């Protein structure tokens, strides 16, 4: 039997350690195998009068030594017979590294820390977390600094009602692992016959799924991220799940992606799954 493979991203910061510990505890029920990835950057390394290869080798050696310490620290904190390894990879950006690595290896989830950012950074720079979510074809679990894994008792599934059946099947299969109750929500700015018809169709899908721990609500609000955030607090959810698409240039420049905005709220972990 092939066990799920989870990639853990680290820069050796406290935030990344919180995320790794969370992901390892989360992966316990499915006997996941873990690979810790660290980017080794060489940007800015002076090439004149220096042997670049020796510098690169030294930086990788330091990274691997820190990686060995990190694994020992994690195994001390999270007991269990799980497989975990460390790799230092040369890359210009974290998103580039993740995209290349997941394309070459069978990876089920990429887990990483997520921190709130200022409005200016959200609009102009994006941030590492959203860059990884944008570029990754593998589901990304963004874990905020104060998250501690206990169980996914309640999952909020924010849906735009596109490709609903396929997405609902994925969410239910994930929920079954943890025995989670799924709170599915769709936000609109006005109710009409089209929305009412869609609501009835979703309720029929839920009935036919046979999964008893799921409910569906349509919310009226002009601000989708705000409505979802309020719903998360109301349901006391442990995880938010969204499905993403490849962003257009306009969406990137003007921060129009709902998932991007939700990634910065940072109240609970966000599982972002790319549509195929």
C-alpha atoms as a PDB file:
ATOM      1  CA  UNK A   1       0.000   0.000   0.000  1.00  0.00           C
ATOM      2  CA  UNK A   2       1.370   3.433  -0.970  1.00  0.00           C
ATOM      3  CA  UNK A   3       1.189   5.919   1.873  1.00  0.00           C
ATOM      4  CA  UNK A   4       0.404   9.620   1.294  1.00  0.00           C
ATOM      5  CA  UNK A   5       3.445  11.824   0.810  1.00  0.00           C
ATOM      6  CA  UNK A   6       3.509  15.250   2.430  1.00  0.00           C
ATOM      7  CA  UNK A   7       6.117  17.900   1.654  1.00  0.00           C
ATOM      8  CA  UNK A   8       7.014  20.237   4.530  1.00  0.00           C
ATOM      9  CA  UNK A   9       8.569  23.587   3.626  1.00  0.00           C
ATOM     10  CA  UNK A  10      11.066  25.134   6.014  1.00  0.00           C
ATOM     11  CA  UNK A  11      13.316  28.152   6.365  1.00  0.00           C
ATOM     12  CA  UNK A  12      14.187  27.002   9.919  1.00  0.00           C
ATOM     13  CA  UNK A  13      11.980  29.729  11.395  1.00  0.00           C
ATOM     14  CA  UNK A  14       9.618  29.243  14.341  1.00  0.00           C
ATOM     15  CA  UNK A  15       6.644  29.601  11.977  1.00  0.00           C
ATOM     16  CA  UNK A  16       7.821  26.788   9.720  1.00  0.00           C
ATOM     17  CA  UNK A  17       8.440  24.544  12.744  1.00  0.00           C
ATOM     18  CA  UNK A  18       4.871  25.152  13.949  1.00  0.00           C
ATOM     19  CA  UNK A  19       3.577  24.212  10.493  1.00  0.00           C
ATOM     20  CA  UNK A  20       5.704  21.062  10.288  1.00  0.00           C
ATOM     21  CA  UNK A  21       4.625  19.842  13.721  1.00  0.00           C
ATOM     22  CA  UNK A  22       0.987  20.488  12.769  1.00  0.00           C
ATOM     23  CA  UNK A  23       1.321  18.597   9.465  1.00  0.00           C
ATOM     24  CA  UNK A  24       3.035  15.594  11.065  1.00  0.00           C
ATOM     25  CA  UNK A  25       0.261  15.260  13.656  1.00  0.00           C
ATOM     26  CA  UNK A  26      -2.316  15.676  10.874  1.00  0.00           C
ATOM     27  CA  UNK A  27      -0.666  12.957   8.777  1.00  0.00           C
ATOM     28  CA  UNK A  28      -0.700  10.409  11.597  1.00  0.00           C
ATOM     29  CA  UNK A  29      -4.121   8.843  10.838  1.00  0.00           C
ATOM     30  CA  UNK A  30      -3.102   8.118   7.226  1.00  0.00           C
ATOM     31  CA  UNK A  31       0.488   7.016   8.013  1.00  0.00           C
ATOM     32  CA  UNK A  32       1.913   9.742   5.804  1.00  0.00           C
ATOM     33  CA  UNK A  33       5.570   9.957   4.797  1.00  0.00           C
ATOM     34  CA  UNK A  34       7.254  13.360   5.069  1.00  0.00           C
ATOM     35  CA  UNK A  35       9.939  15.197   3.123  1.00  0.00           C
ATOM     36  CA  UNK A  36      11.260  18.496   4.473  1.00  0.00           C
ATOM     37  CA  UNK A  37      12.403  20.872   1.721  1.00  0.00           C
ATOM     38  CA  UNK A  38      14.639  23.897   2.193  1.00  0.00           C
ATOM     39  CA  UNK A  39      15.586  26.346  -0.540  1.00  0.00           C
ATOM     40  CA  UNK A  40      19.290  27.074  -0.852  1.00  0.00           C
ATOM     41  CA  UNK A  41      19.626  30.373  -2.683  1.00  0.00           C
ATOM     42  CA  UNK A  42      22.793  31.599  -4.328  1.00  0.00           C
ATOM     43  CA  UNK A  43      21.519  34.987  -5.425  1.00  0.00           C
ATOM     44  CA  UNK A  44      24.021  37.658  -4.547  1.00  0.00           C
ATOM     45  CA  UNK A  45      26.939  35.281  -4.013  1.00  0.00           C
ATOM     46  CA  UNK A  46      30.038  37.050  -5.404  1.00  0.00           C
ATOM     47  CA  UNK A  47      31.549  35.116  -8.269  1.00  0.00           C
ATOM     48  CA  UNK A  48      34.710  37.149  -8.788  1.00  0.00           C
ATOM     49  CA  UNK A  49      37.799  35.572  -7.179  1.00  0.00           C
ATOM     50  CA  UNK A  50      35.699  32.903  -5.431  1.00  0.00           C
ATOM     51  CA  UNK A  51      35.099  29.305  -6.315  1.00  0.00           C
ATOM     52  CA  UNK A  52      31.307  29.270  -6.600  1.00  0.00           C
ATOM     53  CA  UNK A  53      30.971  25.507  -6.425  1.00  0.00           C
ATOM     54  CA  UNK A  54      32.750  25.403  -3.072  1.00  0.00           C
ATOM     55  CA  UNK A  55      30.449  28.104  -1.710  1.00  0.00           C
ATOM     56  CA  UNK A  56      27.387  26.249  -2.940  1.00  0.00           C
ATOM     57  CA  UNK A  57      28.627  23.004  -1.405  1.00  0.00           C
ATOM     58  CA  UNK A  58      29.283  24.727   1.929  1.00  0.00           C
ATOM     59  CA  UNK A  59      25.806  26.287   1.991  1.00  0.00           C
ATOM     60  CA  UNK A  60      24.156  22.954   1.222  1.00  0.00           C
ATOM     61  CA  UNK A  61      26.223  21.246   3.931  1.00  0.00           C
ATOM     62  CA  UNK A  62      25.096  23.841   6.492  1.00  0.00           C
ATOM     63  CA  UNK A  63      21.488  23.409   5.387  1.00  0.00           C
ATOM     64  CA  UNK A  64      21.710  19.605   5.698  1.00  0.00           C
ATOM     65  CA  UNK A  65      23.257  19.869   9.172  1.00  0.00           C
ATOM     66  CA  UNK A  66      20.401  22.129  10.261  1.00  0.00           C
ATOM     67  CA  UNK A  67      17.985  19.700   8.635  1.00  0.00           C
ATOM     68  CA  UNK A  68      19.314  16.780  10.675  1.00  0.00           C
ATOM     69  CA  UNK A  69      18.864  18.825  13.876  1.00  0.00           C
ATOM     70  CA  UNK A  70      15.362  19.763  12.770  1.00  0.00           C
ATOM     71  CA  UNK A  71      14.332  16.128  12.235  1.00  0.00           C
ATOM     72  CA  UNK A  72      15.665  15.201  15.679  1.00  0.00           C
ATOM     73  CA  UNK A  73      13.724  18.094  17.218  1.00  0.00           C
ATOM     74  CA  UNK A  74      10.489  17.106  15.448  1.00  0.00           C
ATOM     75  CA  UNK A  75      10.811  13.444  16.429  1.00  0.00           C
ATOM     76  CA  UNK A  76      11.282  14.525  20.026  1.00  0.00           C
ATOM     77  CA  UNK A  77       8.109  16.626  19.902  1.00  0.00           C
ATOM     78  CA  UNK A  78       5.934  14.302  17.824  1.00  0.00           C
ATOM     79  CA  UNK A  79       6.370  10.660  18.819  1.00  0.00           C
ATOM     80  CA  UNK A  80       5.598   7.912  16.356  1.00  0.00           C
ATOM     81  CA  UNK A  81       7.017   5.547  13.785  1.00  0.00           C
ATOM     82  CA  UNK A  82       6.847   7.791  10.739  1.00  0.00           C
ATOM     83  CA  UNK A  83       9.252   8.307   7.864  1.00  0.00           C
ATOM     84  CA  UNK A  84      10.796  11.747   7.495  1.00  0.00           C
ATOM     85  CA  UNK A  85      13.708  13.000   5.416  1.00  0.00           C
ATOM     86  CA  UNK A  86      15.355  16.338   4.620  1.00  0.00           C
ATOM     87  CA  UNK A  87      16.451  17.778   1.272  1.00  0.00           C
ATOM     88  CA  UNK A  88      18.191  21.025   0.442  1.00  0.00           C
ATOM     89  CA  UNK A  89      17.343  22.190  -3.080  1.00  0.00           C
ATOM     90  CA  UNK A  90      18.847  24.968  -5.157  1.00  0.00           C
ATOM     91  CA  UNK A  91      16.243  27.406  -6.432  1.00  0.00           C
ATOM     92  CA  UNK A  92      15.601  31.130  -6.866  1.00  0.00           C
ATOM     93  CA  UNK A  93      12.204  31.023  -5.134  1.00  0.00           C
ATOM     94  CA  UNK A  94      10.216  28.690  -2.899  1.00  0.00           C
ATOM     95  CA  UNK A  95       7.341  28.548  -5.410  1.00  0.00           C
ATOM     96  CA  UNK A  96       9.724  27.540  -8.203  1.00  0.00           C
ATOM     97  CA  UNK A  97      11.234  24.798  -6.025  1.00  0.00           C
ATOM     98  CA  UNK A  98       7.819  23.412  -5.072  1.00  0.00           C
ATOM     99  CA  UNK A  99       6.613  23.395  -8.665  1.00  0.00           C
ATOM    100  CA  UNK A 100       9.715  21.532  -9.899  1.00  0.00           C
ATOM    101  CA  UNK A 101       9.848  19.044  -7.019  1.00  0.00           C
ATOM    102  CA  UNK A 102       6.158  18.109  -7.102  1.00  0.00           C
ATOM    103  CA  UNK A 103       6.309  17.662 -10.874  1.00  0.00           C
ATOM    104  CA  UNK A 104       9.024  15.010 -10.423  1.00  0.00           C
ATOM    105  CA  UNK A 105       7.704  13.250  -7.331  1.00  0.00           C
ATOM    106  CA  UNK A 106       4.363  11.859  -6.236  1.00  0.00           C
ATOM    107  CA  UNK A 107       3.298  14.392  -3.612  1.00  0.00           C
ATOM    108  CA  UNK A 108      -0.181  14.555  -2.072  1.00  0.00           C
ATOM    109  CA  UNK A 109       0.054  17.763  -0.029  1.00  0.00           C
ATOM    110  CA  UNK A 110       2.492  20.639   0.452  1.00  0.00           C
ATOM    111  CA  UNK A 111       2.392  22.094   3.984  1.00  0.00           C
ATOM    112  CA  UNK A 112       3.839  25.471   4.943  1.00  0.00           C
ATOM    113  CA  UNK A 113       3.530  28.260   7.488  1.00  0.00           C
ATOM    114  CA  UNK A 114       1.393  31.308   6.759  1.00  0.00           C
ATOM    115  CA  UNK A 115       1.613  34.769   8.297  1.00  0.00           C
ATOM    116  CA  UNK A 116      -0.644  37.811   7.902  1.00  0.00           C
ATOM    117  CA  UNK A 117       0.623  40.598   5.686  1.00  0.00           C
ATOM    118  CA  UNK A 118      -0.067  44.294   5.258  1.00  0.00           C
ATOM    119  CA  UNK A 119      -2.499  45.516   2.603  1.00  0.00           C
ATOM    120  CA  UNK A 120       0.423  46.946   0.626  1.00  0.00           C
ATOM    121  CA  UNK A 121       2.217  43.617   0.560  1.00  0.00           C
ATOM    122  CA  UNK A 122      -0.971  41.768  -0.359  1.00  0.00           C
ATOM    123  CA  UNK A 123      -1.580  43.971  -3.371  1.00  0.00           C
ATOM    124  CA  UNK A 124       1.943  44.509  -4.668  1.00  0.00           C
ATOM    125  CA  UNK A 125       4.117  41.656  -3.531  1.00  0.00           C
ATOM    126  CA  UNK A 126       1.870  38.684  -2.926  1.00  0.00           C
ATOM    127  CA  UNK A 127       4.029  36.803  -0.417  1.00  0.00           C
ATOM    128  CA  UNK A 128       5.529  33.311  -0.359  1.00  0.00           C
ATOM    129  CA  UNK A 129       2.361  31.495   0.706  1.00  0.00           C
ATOM    130  CA  UNK A 130       0.165  32.851  -2.073  1.00  0.00           C
ATOM    131  CA  UNK A 131       2.968  32.380  -4.612  1.00  0.00           C
ATOM    132  CA  UNK A 132       3.171  28.690  -3.737  1.00  0.00           C
ATOM    133  CA  UNK A 133      -0.634  28.372  -3.864  1.00  0.00           C
ATOM    134  CA  UNK A 134      -0.700  30.148  -7.256  1.00  0.00           C
ATOM    135  CA  UNK A 135       1.972  27.919  -8.840  1.00  0.00           C
ATOM    136  CA  UNK A 136       1.420  24.532  -7.189  1.00  0.00           C
ATOM    137  CA  UNK A 137      -0.662  21.857  -8.897  1.00  0.00           C
ATOM    138  CA  UNK A 138      -0.597  19.910  -5.622  1.00  0.00           C
ATOM    139  CA  UNK A 139      -2.926  20.873  -2.731  1.00  0.00           C
ATOM    140  CA  UNK A 140      -1.283  23.399  -0.394  1.00  0.00           C
ATOM    141  CA  UNK A 141      -1.980  23.492   3.335  1.00  0.00           C
ATOM    142  CA  UNK A 142      -1.195  26.977   4.695  1.00  0.00           C
ATOM    143  CA  UNK A 143      -0.874  26.844   8.492  1.00  0.00           C
ATOM    144  CA  UNK A 144      -1.006  30.000  10.638  1.00  0.00           C
ATOM    145  CA  UNK A 145       1.414  30.662  13.462  1.00  0.00           C
ATOM    146  CA  UNK A 146      -0.833  29.799  16.394  1.00  0.00           C
ATOM    147  CA  UNK A 147      -2.440  26.662  14.912  1.00  0.00           C
ATOM    148  CA  UNK A 148      -2.229  23.446  16.935  1.00  0.00           C
ATOM    149  CA  UNK A 149      -3.594  20.233  15.438  1.00  0.00           C
ATOM    150  CA  UNK A 150      -6.195  18.381  17.467  1.00  0.00           C
ATOM    151  CA  UNK A 151      -8.557  17.100  14.811  1.00  0.00           C
ATOM    152  CA  UNK A 152     -10.582  18.397  11.880  1.00  0.00           C
ATOM    153  CA  UNK A 153     -13.935  18.206  13.647  1.00  0.00           C
ATOM    154  CA  UNK A 154     -15.438  20.963  11.486  1.00  0.00           C
ATOM    155  CA  UNK A 155     -14.392  21.839   7.930  1.00  0.00           C
ATOM    156  CA  UNK A 156     -15.674  24.877   6.049  1.00  0.00           C
ATOM    157  CA  UNK A 157     -15.796  24.223   2.309  1.00  0.00           C
ATOM    158  CA  UNK A 158     -16.158  27.548   0.465  1.00  0.00           C
ATOM    159  CA  UNK A 159     -17.591  26.850  -2.978  1.00  0.00           C
ATOM    160  CA  UNK A 160     -18.258  28.984  -6.045  1.00  0.00           C
ATOM    161  CA  UNK A 161     -20.471  26.131  -7.338  1.00  0.00           C
ATOM    162  CA  UNK A 162     -18.236  25.396 -10.311  1.00  0.00           C
ATOM    163  CA  UNK A 163     -17.527  21.700 -10.915  1.00  0.00           C
ATOM    164  CA  UNK A 164     -19.364  21.106  -7.634  1.00  0.00           C
ATOM    165  CA  UNK A 165     -19.822  17.335  -7.823  1.00  0.00           C
ATOM    166  CA  UNK A 166     -16.136  16.590  -8.362  1.00  0.00           C
ATOM    167  CA  UNK A 167     -15.044  19.018  -5.649  1.00  0.00           C
ATOM    168  CA  UNK A 168     -17.648  17.764  -3.195  1.00  0.00           C
ATOM    169  CA  UNK A 169     -16.407  14.197  -3.713  1.00  0.00           C
ATOM    170  CA  UNK A 170     -12.846  15.291  -2.879  1.00  0.00           C
ATOM    171  CA  UNK A 171     -13.907  17.160   0.257  1.00  0.00           C
ATOM    172  CA  UNK A 172     -16.044  14.260   1.501  1.00  0.00           C
ATOM    173  CA  UNK A 173     -13.248  11.727   1.000  1.00  0.00           C
ATOM    174  CA  UNK A 174     -10.926  13.979   3.003  1.00  0.00           C
ATOM    175  CA  UNK A 175     -13.584  14.497   5.703  1.00  0.00           C
ATOM    176  CA  UNK A 176     -14.119  10.753   6.086  1.00  0.00           C
ATOM    177  CA  UNK A 177     -10.489  10.307   7.201  1.00  0.00           C
ATOM    178  CA  UNK A 178     -11.061  12.499  10.257  1.00  0.00           C
ATOM    179  CA  UNK A 179     -14.812  11.997  10.726  1.00  0.00           C
ATOM    180  CA  UNK A 180     -15.285  15.710  10.044  1.00  0.00           C
ATOM    181  CA  UNK A 181     -18.516  17.656   9.755  1.00  0.00           C
ATOM    182  CA  UNK A 182     -18.440  19.656   6.504  1.00  0.00           C
ATOM    183  CA  UNK A 183     -20.052  23.100   6.429  1.00  0.00           C
ATOM    184  CA  UNK A 184     -20.389  23.969   2.746  1.00  0.00           C
ATOM    185  CA  UNK A 185     -20.993  27.650   1.981  1.00  0.00           C
ATOM    186  CA  UNK A 186     -21.631  29.713  -1.152  1.00  0.00           C
ATOM    187  CA  UNK A 187     -21.661  33.520  -1.031  1.00  0.00           C
ATOM    188  CA  UNK A 188     -23.765  35.645  -3.405  1.00  0.00           C
ATOM    189  CA  UNK A 189     -24.726  39.317  -3.485  1.00  0.00           C
ATOM    190  CA  UNK A 190     -28.388  38.575  -4.322  1.00  0.00           C
ATOM    191  CA  UNK A 191     -30.793  35.657  -4.449  1.00  0.00           C
ATOM    192  CA  UNK A 192     -32.491  34.812  -7.725  1.00  0.00           C
ATOM    193  CA  UNK A 193     -33.969  31.780  -9.481  1.00  0.00           C
ATOM    194  CA  UNK A 194     -30.566  30.676 -10.770  1.00  0.00           C
ATOM    195  CA  UNK A 195     -29.096  30.647  -7.262  1.00  0.00           C
ATOM    196  CA  UNK A 196     -32.158  28.878  -5.869  1.00  0.00           C
ATOM    197  CA  UNK A 197     -31.911  26.209  -8.578  1.00  0.00           C
ATOM    198  CA  UNK A 198     -28.192  25.740  -7.847  1.00  0.00           C
ATOM    199  CA  UNK A 199     -28.954  25.413  -4.126  1.00  0.00           C
ATOM    200  CA  UNK A 200     -31.459  22.646  -4.778  1.00  0.00           C
ATOM    201  CA  UNK A 201     -28.979  20.847  -7.043  1.00  0.00           C
ATOM    202  CA  UNK A 202     -26.270  20.935  -4.375  1.00  0.00           C
ATOM    203  CA  UNK A 203     -28.665  19.682  -1.689  1.00  0.00           C
ATOM    204  CA  UNK A 204     -29.498  16.741  -3.977  1.00  0.00           C
ATOM    205  CA  UNK A 205     -25.778  15.988  -4.465  1.00  0.00           C
ATOM    206  CA  UNK A 206     -25.304  15.995  -0.706  1.00  0.00           C
ATOM    207  CA  UNK A 207     -28.267  13.647  -0.221  1.00  0.00           C
ATOM    208  CA  UNK A 208     -26.951  11.217  -2.844  1.00  0.00           C
ATOM    209  CA  UNK A 209     -23.428  11.284  -1.365  1.00  0.00           C
ATOM    210  CA  UNK A 210     -24.637   9.350   1.661  1.00  0.00           C
ATOM    211  CA  UNK A 211     -22.328  11.326   3.949  1.00  0.00           C
ATOM    212  CA  UNK A 212     -24.437  12.409   6.897  1.00  0.00           C
ATOM    213  CA  UNK A 213     -22.083  15.035   8.307  1.00  0.00           C
ATOM    214  CA  UNK A 214     -22.562  17.809   5.773  1.00  0.00           C
ATOM    215  CA  UNK A 215     -24.758  20.891   5.492  1.00  0.00           C
ATOM    216  CA  UNK A 216     -25.031  23.660   2.909  1.00  0.00           C
ATOM    217  CA  UNK A 217     -25.768  27.356   3.254  1.00  0.00           C
ATOM    218  CA  UNK A 218     -26.080  30.240   0.787  1.00  0.00           C
ATOM    219  CA  UNK A 219     -24.996  33.558   2.326  1.00  0.00           C
ATOM    220  CA  UNK A 220     -25.871  37.044   1.107  1.00  0.00           C
ATOM    221  CA  UNK A 221     -22.879  39.408   1.159  1.00  0.00           C
ATOM    222  CA  UNK A 222     -21.017  41.694  -1.247  1.00  0.00           C
ATOM    223  CA  UNK A 223     -17.699  40.840   0.394  1.00  0.00           C
ATOM    224  CA  UNK A 224     -16.976  37.137  -0.115  1.00  0.00           C
ATOM    225  CA  UNK A 225     -13.831  36.844   2.079  1.00  0.00           C
ATOM    226  CA  UNK A 226     -15.560  38.737   4.912  1.00  0.00           C
ATOM    227  CA  UNK A 227     -18.608  36.459   4.715  1.00  0.00           C
ATOM    228  CA  UNK A 228     -16.475  33.315   4.744  1.00  0.00           C
ATOM    229  CA  UNK A 229     -14.404  34.597   7.660  1.00  0.00           C
ATOM    230  CA  UNK A 230     -17.604  35.286   9.624  1.00  0.00           C
ATOM    231  CA  UNK A 231     -18.908  31.813   8.774  1.00  0.00           C
ATOM    232  CA  UNK A 232     -15.648  30.245   9.997  1.00  0.00           C
ATOM    233  CA  UNK A 233     -16.054  31.988  13.351  1.00  0.00           C
ATOM    234  CA  UNK A 234     -19.727  31.052  13.578  1.00  0.00           C
ATOM    235  CA  UNK A 235     -19.085  27.350  12.942  1.00  0.00           C
ATOM    236  CA  UNK A 236     -15.847  27.300  14.989  1.00  0.00           C
ATOM    237  CA  UNK A 237     -14.195  25.519  12.086  1.00  0.00           C
ATOM    238  CA  UNK A 238     -10.800  23.794  12.243  1.00  0.00           C
ATOM    239  CA  UNK A 239      -9.995  23.976   8.520  1.00  0.00           C
ATOM    240  CA  UNK A 240     -11.004  26.024   5.476  1.00  0.00           C
ATOM    241  CA  UNK A 241     -10.991  24.352   2.062  1.00  0.00           C
ATOM    242  CA  UNK A 242     -11.132  26.182  -1.271  1.00  0.00           C
ATOM    243  CA  UNK A 243     -10.551  25.240  -4.902  1.00  0.00           C
ATOM    244  CA  UNK A 244      -8.350  27.558  -6.947  1.00  0.00           C
ATOM    245  CA  UNK A 245      -7.628  28.244 -10.597  1.00  0.00           C
ATOM    246  CA  UNK A 246      -4.706  29.656 -12.540  1.00  0.00           C
ATOM    247  CA  UNK A 247      -4.826  33.402 -11.966  1.00  0.00           C
ATOM    248  CA  UNK A 248      -4.950  35.929 -14.775  1.00  0.00           C
ATOM    249  CA  UNK A 249      -2.512  38.851 -14.744  1.00  0.00           C
ATOM    250  CA  UNK A 250      -5.344  41.168 -13.685  1.00  0.00           C
ATOM    251  CA  UNK A 251      -6.218  38.933 -10.712  1.00  0.00           C
ATOM    252  CA  UNK A 252      -2.582  38.879  -9.601  1.00  0.00           C
ATOM    253  CA  UNK A 253      -2.085  42.622  -9.938  1.00  0.00           C
ATOM    254  CA  UNK A 254      -5.294  43.659  -8.231  1.00  0.00           C
ATOM    255  CA  UNK A 255      -5.548  40.856  -5.644  1.00  0.00           C
ATOM    256  CA  UNK A 256      -8.920  39.699  -6.964  1.00  0.00           C
ATOM    257  CA  UNK A 257      -8.442  36.071  -5.916  1.00  0.00           C
ATOM    258  CA  UNK A 258     -10.659  35.095  -2.979  1.00  0.00           C
ATOM    259  CA  UNK A 259      -8.235  32.329  -1.993  1.00  0.00           C
ATOM    260  CA  UNK A 260      -5.344  34.801  -1.936  1.00  0.00           C
ATOM    261  CA  UNK A 261      -7.282  37.060   0.414  1.00  0.00           C
ATOM    262  CA  UNK A 262      -8.325  34.173   2.660  1.00  0.00           C
ATOM    263  CA  UNK A 263      -4.712  32.997   2.877  1.00  0.00           C
ATOM    264  CA  UNK A 264      -3.891  36.258   4.675  1.00  0.00           C
ATOM    265  CA  UNK A 265      -6.685  36.014   7.242  1.00  0.00           C
ATOM    266  CA  UNK A 266      -4.652  33.373   9.028  1.00  0.00           C
ATOM    267  CA  UNK A 267      -7.270  32.318  11.602  1.00  0.00           C
ATOM    268  CA  UNK A 268      -7.299  28.607  10.757  1.00  0.00           C
ATOM    269  CA  UNK A 269      -5.338  26.453   8.262  1.00  0.00           C
ATOM    270  CA  UNK A 270      -6.314  26.818   4.624  1.00  0.00           C
ATOM    271  CA  UNK A 271      -6.283  23.828   2.266  1.00  0.00           C
ATOM    272  CA  UNK A 272      -6.116  25.214  -1.276  1.00  0.00           C
ATOM    273  CA  UNK A 273      -6.706  22.669  -4.040  1.00  0.00           C
ATOM    274  CA  UNK A 274      -5.947  23.531  -7.658  1.00  0.00           C
ATOM    275  CA  UNK A 275      -8.662  22.775 -10.212  1.00  0.00           C
ATOM    276  CA  UNK A 276      -7.537  20.548 -13.040  1.00  0.00           C
END
